Amino acid sequence: MQVPERRGTDRRSFLKGAVLVGAGAAATGLVAACSPSSSGEGASGEASTPSGGGAEPATGWSWSTPPAAIADADISETIDTEIA
């Protein structure tokens, strides 16, 4: 007696294909994230660049400027904790 040949997709090949599709989608996202943003051209026809030519924006990073002081009247509760 001859065993009929199975045609179609088994679970293992389906999972391999799903992993390959997922890895391809992730790689596409990484490549798109690394590409320069296309902010367009300014009114003068020149491409816009940040001041100084560096990676830092003209206004500075949000974490590089200290936050405004909080008034004592605005503090409702103080909790003392220890971090080990």
C-alpha atoms as a PDB file:
ATOM      1  CA  MET A   1       0.000   0.000   0.000  1.00  0.00           C
ATOM      2  CA  GLN A   2       1.297   3.347  -0.981  1.00  0.00           C
ATOM      3  CA  VAL A   3       1.017   6.380   1.350  1.00  0.00           C
ATOM      4  CA  PRO A   4      -0.475   9.383  -0.445  1.00  0.00           C
ATOM      5  CA  GLU A   5       1.832  12.356  -0.704  1.00  0.00           C
ATOM      6  CA  ARG A   6       0.826  15.295   1.462  1.00  0.00           C
ATOM      7  CA  ARG A   7       0.438  18.558  -0.313  1.00  0.00           C
ATOM      8  CA  GLY A   8       0.041  21.950   1.249  1.00  0.00           C
ATOM      9  CA  THR A   9       1.653  23.615   4.199  1.00  0.00           C
ATOM     10  CA  ASP A  10       2.509  21.931   7.450  1.00  0.00           C
ATOM     11  CA  ARG A  11       2.811  23.739  10.762  1.00  0.00           C
ATOM     12  CA  ARG A  12       6.614  23.919  10.727  1.00  0.00           C
ATOM     13  CA  SER A  13       6.888  25.511   7.284  1.00  0.00           C
ATOM     14  CA  PHE A  14       4.058  27.913   8.144  1.00  0.00           C
ATOM     15  CA  LEU A  15       5.902  29.084  11.272  1.00  0.00           C
ATOM     16  CA  LYS A  16       9.169  29.452   9.348  1.00  0.00           C
ATOM     17  CA  GLY A  17       7.406  31.631   6.798  1.00  0.00           C
ATOM     18  CA  ALA A  18       5.744  33.702   9.518  1.00  0.00           C
ATOM     19  CA  VAL A  19       9.103  34.299  11.201  1.00  0.00           C
ATOM     20  CA  LEU A  20      10.664  35.360   7.906  1.00  0.00           C
ATOM     21  CA  VAL A  21       7.807  37.766   7.167  1.00  0.00           C
ATOM     22  CA  GLY A  22       8.052  39.228  10.691  1.00  0.00           C
ATOM     23  CA  ALA A  23      11.817  39.655  10.424  1.00  0.00           C
ATOM     24  CA  GLY A  24      11.415  41.332   7.045  1.00  0.00           C
ATOM     25  CA  ALA A  25       8.820  43.733   8.434  1.00  0.00           C
ATOM     26  CA  ALA A  26      11.064  44.566  11.392  1.00  0.00           C
ATOM     27  CA  ALA A  27      14.050  45.144   9.107  1.00  0.00           C
ATOM     28  CA  THR A  28      11.960  47.434   6.913  1.00  0.00           C
ATOM     29  CA  GLY A  29      10.977  49.463   9.978  1.00  0.00           C
ATOM     30  CA  LEU A  30      14.602  49.764  11.076  1.00  0.00           C
ATOM     31  CA  VAL A  31      15.738  50.906   7.644  1.00  0.00           C
ATOM     32  CA  ALA A  32      12.936  53.478   7.513  1.00  0.00           C
ATOM     33  CA  ALA A  33      13.816  54.754  10.995  1.00  0.00           C
ATOM     34  CA  CYS A  34      17.459  55.264  10.019  1.00  0.00           C
ATOM     35  CA  SER A  35      16.693  57.228   6.884  1.00  0.00           C
ATOM     36  CA  PRO A  36      16.879  61.031   7.025  1.00  0.00           C
ATOM     37  CA  SER A  37      13.576  62.795   7.430  1.00  0.00           C
ATOM     38  CA  SER A  38      12.350  64.667   4.389  1.00  0.00           C
ATOM     39  CA  SER A  39      11.289  68.012   5.822  1.00  0.00           C
ATOM     40  CA  GLY A  40      11.162  69.586   2.365  1.00  0.00           C
ATOM     41  CA  GLU A  41      12.654  72.799   1.140  1.00  0.00           C
ATOM     42  CA  GLY A  42      12.256  76.194   2.732  1.00  0.00           C
ATOM     43  CA  ALA A  43      10.814  79.282   1.069  1.00  0.00           C
ATOM     44  CA  SER A  44      14.256  80.288  -0.219  1.00  0.00           C
ATOM     45  CA  GLY A  45      14.658  76.989  -2.087  1.00  0.00           C
ATOM     46  CA  GLU A  46      17.382  75.696   0.219  1.00  0.00           C
ATOM     47  CA  ALA A  47      16.968  72.555   2.246  1.00  0.00           C
ATOM     48  CA  SER A  48      16.422  73.232   5.922  1.00  0.00           C
ATOM     49  CA  THR A  49      19.209  72.129   8.286  1.00  0.00           C
ATOM     50  CA  PRO A  50      19.484  72.417  12.046  1.00  0.00           C
ATOM     51  CA  SER A  51      21.629  75.249  13.337  1.00  0.00           C
ATOM     52  CA  GLY A  52      25.234  74.252  13.856  1.00  0.00           C
ATOM     53  CA  GLY A  53      24.828  71.229  11.589  1.00  0.00           C
ATOM     54  CA  GLY A  54      24.815  68.828  14.548  1.00  0.00           C
ATOM     55  CA  ALA A  55      22.202  66.382  15.773  1.00  0.00           C
ATOM     56  CA  GLU A  56      20.978  68.717  18.525  1.00  0.00           C
ATOM     57  CA  PRO A  57      17.931  70.815  17.630  1.00  0.00           C
ATOM     58  CA  ALA A  58      18.166  74.611  17.726  1.00  0.00           C
ATOM     59  CA  THR A  59      16.165  74.790  20.974  1.00  0.00           C
ATOM     60  CA  GLY A  60      18.210  72.082  22.726  1.00  0.00           C
ATOM     61  CA  TRP A  61      17.156  68.748  24.150  1.00  0.00           C
ATOM     62  CA  SER A  62      14.255  68.688  26.591  1.00  0.00           C
ATOM     63  CA  TRP A  63      16.337  66.917  29.247  1.00  0.00           C
ATOM     64  CA  SER A  64      19.235  69.391  29.016  1.00  0.00           C
ATOM     65  CA  THR A  65      17.314  72.288  30.555  1.00  0.00           C
ATOM     66  CA  PRO A  66      16.347  72.073  34.253  1.00  0.00           C
ATOM     67  CA  PRO A  67      12.637  72.126  35.056  1.00  0.00           C
ATOM     68  CA  ALA A  68      10.993  75.137  36.688  1.00  0.00           C
ATOM     69  CA  ALA A  69      11.073  75.223  40.482  1.00  0.00           C
ATOM     70  CA  ILE A  70       7.977  74.049  42.349  1.00  0.00           C
ATOM     71  CA  ALA A  71       6.624  76.479  44.943  1.00  0.00           C
ATOM     72  CA  ASP A  72       6.280  75.199  48.532  1.00  0.00           C
ATOM     73  CA  ALA A  73       2.557  75.985  48.450  1.00  0.00           C
ATOM     74  CA  ASP A  74       2.105  73.581  45.501  1.00  0.00           C
ATOM     75  CA  ILE A  75       3.620  70.586  47.350  1.00  0.00           C
ATOM     76  CA  SER A  76       0.804  68.531  48.887  1.00  0.00           C
ATOM     77  CA  GLU A  77       2.748  65.538  50.241  1.00  0.00           C
ATOM     78  CA  THR A  78       6.361  64.529  50.849  1.00  0.00           C
ATOM     79  CA  ILE A  79       7.326  60.845  50.996  1.00  0.00           C
ATOM     80  CA  ASP A  80      10.724  59.682  52.266  1.00  0.00           C
ATOM     81  CA  THR A  81      11.924  56.366  50.852  1.00  0.00           C
ATOM     82  CA  GLU A  82      15.138  54.344  50.763  1.00  0.00           C
ATOM     83  CA  ILE A  83      16.437  52.750  47.591  1.00  0.00           C
ATOM     84  CA  ALA A  84      18.613  49.695  48.115  1.00  0.00           C
END
